[in-house]
Amino acid sequence: MKNHVTRRALLGAGALLPLAAPALAAFPDQPIRVIVPWNAGGLADVVMRTLAPAMAGPLGQPVVIENRAGANGAVGTQLVARAAPDGHTLILANAETHAINPLVYPRLAYDAVADFTPVTIFARGPFVLITRPNLGADSLQAFLAMARARPGALTFASWGIGSTSHLAMARLMKEAQIDLLHVPFTGAAPAATAIQGGQVDVMFLNAGPAEAVARDGRSKILGVGASERIPLLPQVPTMAELGTPVDAANWFGLLGPARMPAEAAQRIAQVAAEGLRSPAVQEVFRTQAAIPVTSTPPEMRAFIAADRERWAVLVRELNIRLE
């Protein structure tokens, strides 16, 4: 997976097209439907709706977004698993749908590996640690000291049990040896609202929305859960810089149903990579702190496998099981 589209990668992808032309002559011959298994307005929805118009032109067909939220992304994801494998129905996937859900749902209605064809990963979304505005902790060190002095008394929000926001905080609690009370919500927006309103003390939130609410004092950002500082918040140090390394982020990508033609997957991956070069896409991604990346279908398969194993260690330690 690469943080930018290289000239060699584009030339390599283009070199495949003449060989695949007969199979791709009629693809796509109808609108591409992308199921976003989350509520409208969240980061997953925003990045997909931003990239879709940039993909539609080269594909010669509209890219239509359909929100099907529920069960940590499982509801919409299983719809795509059962869709016709012709390349016209895709899932907007992330760590929840294809790395974490298989670990926490013993009776998941889809097989995250066997039921899907990887297409491409197109963005990373780092999290930041934020607190309610009147918590009284102006730094990560002050917050950790407060949490250690009052074990189990402070609360943290997430957008669901087993979500990346939940597991990122579980990682922080393990690394920093603190104990917080989990308050799960049905999405990132209501969780962030609870932080702003002072009902919950702290949470890991996508950096773009967090920057927006912290800008006018409705919350306080303590650190970035990424390996390096992010362009949107260059003044905010990483958790590692502050002495508590925690990798807190999500990724966003596209997959189709199993048996989707390889040529269709390659075509969509190429068009998505080209779309990321659009100035309009880049500007929205910047304001949302979504970092553009590219991957081939095989690279995406390997990345998801590694991500699932990374989360598996923590899920086993926490013994998380959802029905």
Protein backbone atom coordinates (compact mmCIF):
# COMPACT_ATOMS: atom_id res chain seq x y z
CA MET A 1 0.00 0.00 0.00
CA LYS A 2 1.38 3.40 -1.01
CA ASN A 3 0.74 6.94 0.22
CA HIS A 4 0.66 8.31 -3.33
CA VAL A 5 0.15 7.12 -6.88
CA THR A 6 3.51 6.62 -8.53
CA ARG A 7 4.11 7.09 -12.26
CA ARG A 8 5.36 3.51 -12.49
CA ALA A 9 2.22 2.18 -10.80
CA LEU A 10 -0.03 4.05 -13.23
CA LEU A 11 1.96 2.88 -16.24
CA GLY A 12 1.89 -0.67 -14.92
CA ALA A 13 -1.85 -0.57 -14.45
CA GLY A 14 -2.34 0.92 -17.90
CA ALA A 15 -0.23 -1.84 -19.42
CA LEU A 16 -2.77 -4.39 -18.25
CA LEU A 17 -5.72 -2.77 -19.98
CA PRO A 18 -5.12 -3.87 -23.61
CA LEU A 19 -4.87 -7.51 -22.54
CA ALA A 20 -8.06 -7.21 -20.53
CA ALA A 21 -9.98 -5.13 -23.08
CA PRO A 22 -12.35 -7.89 -24.33
CA ALA A 23 -13.48 -8.71 -20.78
CA LEU A 24 -13.82 -5.03 -19.87
CA ALA A 25 -15.51 -3.85 -23.06
CA ALA A 26 -18.92 -3.64 -21.35
CA PHE A 27 -17.75 -2.80 -17.84
CA PRO A 28 -19.33 -0.97 -16.24
CA ASP A 29 -22.58 -1.08 -18.18
CA GLN A 30 -24.69 0.28 -15.32
CA PRO A 31 -24.18 2.50 -12.26
CA ILE A 32 -21.69 1.30 -9.65
CA ARG A 33 -23.42 0.94 -6.28
CA VAL A 34 -21.26 1.40 -3.18
CA ILE A 35 -22.80 0.28 0.11
CA VAL A 36 -21.56 2.37 3.03
CA PRO A 37 -22.40 0.31 6.12
CA TRP A 38 -22.46 3.37 8.39
CA ASN A 39 -24.72 6.37 8.92
CA ALA A 40 -24.52 9.33 6.56
CA GLY A 41 -22.20 12.10 7.68
CA GLY A 42 -19.48 9.97 9.27
CA LEU A 43 -15.93 9.92 7.94
CA ALA A 44 -16.46 6.70 5.95
CA ASP A 45 -19.49 8.27 4.25
CA VAL A 46 -17.73 11.58 3.59
CA VAL A 47 -14.59 10.11 2.00
CA MET A 48 -16.63 7.79 -0.24
CA ARG A 49 -19.00 10.54 -1.36
CA THR A 50 -15.97 12.72 -2.09
CA LEU A 51 -14.18 10.11 -4.19
CA ALA A 52 -17.29 8.84 -6.03
CA PRO A 53 -17.69 11.76 -8.51
CA ALA A 54 -13.98 11.58 -9.40
CA MET A 55 -14.43 7.89 -10.24
CA ALA A 56 -17.68 8.32 -12.18
CA GLY A 57 -16.19 10.24 -15.10
CA PRO A 58 -13.51 7.72 -16.07
CA LEU A 59 -15.89 4.81 -15.50
CA GLY A 60 -18.59 6.40 -17.66
CA GLN A 61 -21.25 5.52 -15.09
CA PRO A 62 -22.54 7.14 -11.88
CA VAL A 63 -21.12 5.88 -8.59
CA VAL A 64 -24.13 5.75 -6.28
CA ILE A 65 -23.75 5.68 -2.48
CA GLU A 66 -26.22 3.76 -0.34
CA ASN A 67 -26.06 3.85 3.47
CA ARG A 68 -26.96 0.60 5.25
CA ALA A 69 -25.88 0.99 8.87
CA GLY A 70 -26.08 -1.52 11.71
CA ALA A 71 -24.16 -4.09 13.77
CA ASN A 72 -20.75 -2.42 13.51
CA GLY A 73 -21.01 -2.37 9.73
CA ALA A 74 -22.12 -6.01 9.41
CA VAL A 75 -25.61 -5.27 8.05
CA GLY A 76 -24.47 -3.50 4.90
CA THR A 77 -21.44 -5.73 4.44
CA GLN A 78 -23.49 -8.92 4.25
CA LEU A 79 -25.62 -7.36 1.50
CA VAL A 80 -22.57 -7.05 -0.72
CA ALA A 81 -21.44 -10.58 0.14
CA ARG A 82 -24.72 -11.79 -1.42
CA ALA A 83 -24.73 -9.41 -4.40
CA ALA A 84 -24.15 -10.42 -8.01
CA PRO A 85 -20.36 -10.73 -8.56
CA ASP A 86 -20.31 -8.56 -11.68
CA GLY A 87 -18.39 -5.61 -10.23
CA HIS A 88 -21.36 -3.26 -10.03
CA THR A 89 -21.89 -3.60 -6.25
CA LEU A 90 -19.09 -2.79 -3.82
CA ILE A 91 -18.69 -2.37 -0.07
CA LEU A 92 -16.97 0.59 1.56
CA ALA A 93 -14.95 -1.47 4.01
CA ASN A 94 -12.82 -0.58 7.01
CA ALA A 95 -11.17 -2.28 9.98
CA GLU A 96 -14.53 -2.97 11.65
CA THR A 97 -16.11 -4.76 8.69
CA HIS A 98 -13.18 -6.94 7.60
CA ALA A 99 -10.67 -7.15 10.45
CA ILE A 100 -12.55 -6.79 13.76
CA ASN A 101 -16.07 -8.12 13.12
CA PRO A 102 -14.79 -11.62 12.22
CA LEU A 103 -13.04 -11.65 15.60
CA VAL A 104 -15.91 -10.48 17.81
CA TYR A 105 -19.04 -11.94 16.14
CA PRO A 106 -19.07 -15.76 16.49
CA ARG A 107 -22.02 -16.01 14.08
CA LEU A 108 -21.16 -13.32 11.57
CA ALA A 109 -23.41 -13.48 8.51
CA TYR A 110 -20.48 -13.22 6.08
CA ASP A 111 -16.97 -14.61 5.69
CA ALA A 112 -14.66 -11.60 5.49
CA VAL A 113 -12.19 -13.52 3.31
CA ALA A 114 -14.12 -16.08 1.25
CA ASP A 115 -17.12 -13.86 0.44
CA PHE A 116 -15.21 -10.88 -1.01
CA THR A 117 -12.85 -9.77 -3.75
CA PRO A 118 -10.37 -7.10 -2.64
CA VAL A 119 -10.23 -4.01 -4.86
CA THR A 120 -8.27 -1.19 -3.20
CA ILE A 121 -7.57 0.71 -0.01
CA PHE A 122 -7.80 4.45 -0.69
CA ALA A 123 -7.52 6.27 2.66
CA ARG A 124 -6.28 6.11 6.23
CA GLY A 125 -8.01 8.02 9.01
CA PRO A 126 -5.89 8.69 12.11
CA PHE A 127 -7.64 9.21 15.46
CA VAL A 128 -6.91 11.81 18.10
CA LEU A 129 -7.55 11.59 21.83
CA ILE A 130 -10.03 14.27 22.92
CA THR A 131 -11.56 15.21 26.26
CA ARG A 132 -14.66 17.10 27.31
CA PRO A 133 -13.98 20.85 27.53
CA ASN A 134 -14.19 21.14 31.32
CA LEU A 135 -12.32 17.98 32.33
CA GLY A 136 -9.39 19.96 33.69
CA ALA A 137 -6.64 17.98 31.94
CA ASP A 138 -4.74 20.09 29.43
CA SER A 139 -2.19 17.44 28.46
CA LEU A 140 -1.94 13.70 28.03
CA GLN A 141 0.22 13.45 31.14
CA ALA A 142 -2.36 15.35 33.21
CA PHE A 143 -5.17 13.13 31.95
CA LEU A 144 -3.26 9.92 32.71
CA ALA A 145 -2.44 11.19 36.19
CA MET A 146 -6.12 11.98 36.77
CA ALA A 147 -7.17 8.53 35.53
CA ARG A 148 -4.63 6.75 37.74
CA ALA A 149 -5.79 8.71 40.76
CA ARG A 150 -9.43 7.76 40.12
CA PRO A 151 -9.49 4.23 38.67
CA GLY A 152 -12.83 3.39 37.08
CA ALA A 153 -14.27 6.86 37.69
CA LEU A 154 -13.58 8.50 34.31
CA THR A 155 -15.62 7.49 31.25
CA PHE A 156 -14.78 7.05 27.58
CA ALA A 157 -17.09 7.10 24.57
CA SER A 158 -16.91 4.98 21.43
CA TRP A 159 -19.10 4.32 18.41
CA GLY A 160 -19.80 0.77 19.54
CA ILE A 161 -18.49 -2.25 21.41
CA GLY A 162 -15.75 -3.83 19.32
CA SER A 163 -15.30 -0.70 17.18
CA THR A 164 -11.90 0.78 16.40
CA SER A 165 -12.61 3.63 18.81
CA HIS A 166 -13.32 1.11 21.60
CA LEU A 167 -10.26 -1.02 20.89
CA ALA A 168 -7.96 1.98 20.49
CA MET A 169 -8.91 3.11 23.99
CA ALA A 170 -8.45 -0.43 25.28
CA ARG A 171 -4.91 -0.26 23.90
CA LEU A 172 -4.30 3.03 25.68
CA MET A 173 -5.63 1.65 28.96
CA LYS A 174 -3.30 -1.33 28.64
CA GLU A 175 -0.23 0.74 27.72
CA ALA A 176 -0.83 3.43 30.35
CA GLN A 177 -2.21 1.07 33.01
CA ILE A 178 -5.40 3.05 33.60
CA ASP A 179 -9.01 1.95 34.10
CA LEU A 180 -11.85 3.84 32.37
CA LEU A 181 -15.58 3.07 32.13
CA HIS A 182 -16.80 2.39 28.57
CA VAL A 183 -19.91 4.24 27.32
CA PRO A 184 -20.71 2.97 23.79
CA PHE A 185 -22.85 4.97 21.36
CA THR A 186 -24.48 4.08 18.03
CA GLY A 187 -22.11 6.24 15.98
CA ALA A 188 -19.24 8.70 16.08
CA ALA A 189 -21.49 11.77 15.88
CA PRO A 190 -23.53 11.06 19.05
CA ALA A 191 -20.37 10.03 20.88
CA ALA A 192 -18.67 13.31 19.95
CA THR A 193 -21.79 15.23 20.97
CA ALA A 194 -21.63 13.59 24.40
CA ILE A 195 -18.00 14.69 24.73
CA GLN A 196 -18.87 18.27 23.79
CA GLY A 197 -21.79 18.29 26.21
CA GLY A 198 -19.65 17.03 29.08
CA GLN A 199 -21.57 13.76 29.54
CA VAL A 200 -18.48 11.63 28.79
CA ASP A 201 -14.88 12.41 29.65
CA VAL A 202 -12.70 11.22 26.78
CA MET A 203 -12.64 9.31 23.47
CA PHE A 204 -10.62 8.51 20.37
CA LEU A 205 -12.24 10.32 17.43
CA ASN A 206 -11.34 10.75 13.76
CA ALA A 207 -8.95 13.69 13.54
CA GLY A 208 -11.01 15.77 11.07
CA PRO A 209 -14.24 15.92 13.11
CA ALA A 210 -12.18 16.29 16.30
CA GLU A 211 -10.36 19.34 14.90
CA ALA A 212 -13.71 20.94 14.04
CA VAL A 213 -15.13 20.61 17.56
CA ALA A 214 -11.85 21.55 19.28
CA ARG A 215 -11.42 24.68 17.17
CA ASP A 216 -13.99 26.64 19.18
CA GLY A 217 -13.25 25.10 22.56
CA ARG A 218 -15.92 22.39 22.60
CA SER A 219 -13.26 19.76 23.34
CA LYS A 220 -9.54 19.44 23.97
CA ILE A 221 -7.17 17.39 21.77
CA LEU A 222 -4.40 15.68 23.75
CA GLY A 223 -2.52 13.66 21.12
CA VAL A 224 -2.54 12.00 17.70
CA GLY A 225 -2.74 8.22 17.48
CA ALA A 226 -0.51 7.94 14.41
CA SER A 227 3.16 7.27 13.74
CA GLU A 228 3.71 10.90 12.69
CA ARG A 229 2.02 14.26 13.04
CA ILE A 230 -0.75 14.98 10.57
CA PRO A 231 -1.01 18.02 8.23
CA LEU A 232 -4.35 19.16 9.66
CA LEU A 233 -2.94 19.35 13.21
CA PRO A 234 0.80 19.95 12.82
CA GLN A 235 1.06 21.45 16.31
CA VAL A 236 -0.40 18.37 18.05
CA PRO A 237 2.20 15.76 19.06
CA THR A 238 1.73 12.05 18.51
CA MET A 239 0.99 9.74 21.41
CA ALA A 240 4.45 8.25 20.88
CA GLU A 241 6.09 11.67 21.23
CA LEU A 242 4.26 12.03 24.54
CA GLY A 243 5.65 8.74 25.81
CA THR A 244 2.56 6.55 25.33
CA PRO A 245 2.70 4.99 21.84
CA VAL A 246 -0.78 3.95 20.69
CA ASP A 247 -1.63 3.22 17.05
CA ALA A 248 -5.19 4.51 16.73
CA ALA A 249 -6.57 4.79 13.21
CA ASN A 250 -8.88 3.27 10.65
CA TRP A 251 -8.62 2.55 6.94
CA PHE A 252 -11.14 2.76 4.11
CA GLY A 253 -11.31 0.67 0.96
CA LEU A 254 -13.48 -1.10 -1.59
CA LEU A 255 -14.25 -4.78 -2.03
CA GLY A 256 -16.68 -6.63 -4.25
CA PRO A 257 -18.40 -9.99 -3.85
CA ALA A 258 -16.43 -13.20 -4.29
CA ARG A 259 -15.87 -14.22 -7.93
CA MET A 260 -15.93 -10.61 -9.11
CA PRO A 261 -13.85 -10.46 -12.32
CA ALA A 262 -10.22 -9.59 -11.62
CA GLU A 263 -10.23 -7.17 -14.55
CA ALA A 264 -13.12 -5.22 -12.99
CA ALA A 265 -11.32 -5.03 -9.65
CA GLN A 266 -8.16 -3.77 -11.37
CA ARG A 267 -10.13 -1.18 -13.34
CA ILE A 268 -11.86 0.21 -10.24
CA ALA A 269 -8.59 0.26 -8.28
CA GLN A 270 -6.94 2.25 -11.08
CA VAL A 271 -9.82 4.72 -11.32
CA ALA A 272 -9.87 5.22 -7.54
CA ALA A 273 -6.12 5.92 -7.56
CA GLU A 274 -6.57 8.45 -10.36
CA GLY A 275 -9.48 10.05 -8.47
CA LEU A 276 -7.27 10.67 -5.47
CA ARG A 277 -5.22 13.06 -7.60
CA SER A 278 -8.20 15.42 -8.01
CA PRO A 279 -7.60 18.76 -6.23
CA ALA A 280 -11.22 18.72 -5.01
CA VAL A 281 -10.76 15.27 -3.48
CA GLN A 282 -7.44 16.22 -1.93
CA GLU A 283 -8.91 19.33 -0.30
CA VAL A 284 -11.81 17.48 1.33
CA PHE A 285 -9.48 14.72 2.47
CA ARG A 286 -7.19 17.36 3.99
CA THR A 287 -10.00 18.98 5.98
CA GLN A 288 -11.17 15.55 7.16
CA ALA A 289 -7.60 14.42 8.01
CA ALA A 290 -8.08 11.48 5.65
CA ILE A 291 -4.72 10.46 4.21
CA PRO A 292 -4.89 9.23 0.58
CA VAL A 293 -3.27 5.86 -0.11
CA THR A 294 -3.38 3.37 -2.96
CA SER A 295 -3.16 -0.40 -3.18
CA THR A 296 -3.57 -3.17 -5.71
CA PRO A 297 -6.12 -5.94 -4.98
CA PRO A 298 -3.37 -8.37 -3.80
CA GLU A 299 -1.86 -5.69 -1.58
CA MET A 300 -5.28 -5.03 -0.04
CA ARG A 301 -5.77 -8.74 0.70
CA ALA A 302 -2.42 -8.93 2.49
CA PHE A 303 -3.04 -5.71 4.39
CA ILE A 304 -6.43 -6.85 5.74
CA ALA A 305 -4.96 -10.18 6.85
CA ALA A 306 -2.21 -8.39 8.77
CA ASP A 307 -4.68 -5.91 10.27
CA ARG A 308 -6.96 -8.74 11.45
CA GLU A 309 -4.06 -10.44 13.18
CA ARG A 310 -3.02 -7.17 14.80
CA TRP A 311 -6.47 -6.68 16.33
CA ALA A 312 -6.83 -10.38 17.23
CA VAL A 313 -4.28 -10.13 20.04
CA LEU A 314 -6.25 -7.39 21.80
CA VAL A 315 -9.66 -8.98 21.18
CA ARG A 316 -8.44 -12.23 22.75
CA GLU A 317 -7.07 -10.38 25.77
CA LEU A 318 -10.36 -8.50 26.27
CA ASN A 319 -12.46 -11.61 25.47
CA ILE A 320 -14.92 -9.53 23.40
CA ARG A 321 -17.81 -11.56 21.97
CA LEU A 322 -20.95 -10.02 20.43
CA GLU A 323 -24.19 -11.72 19.41
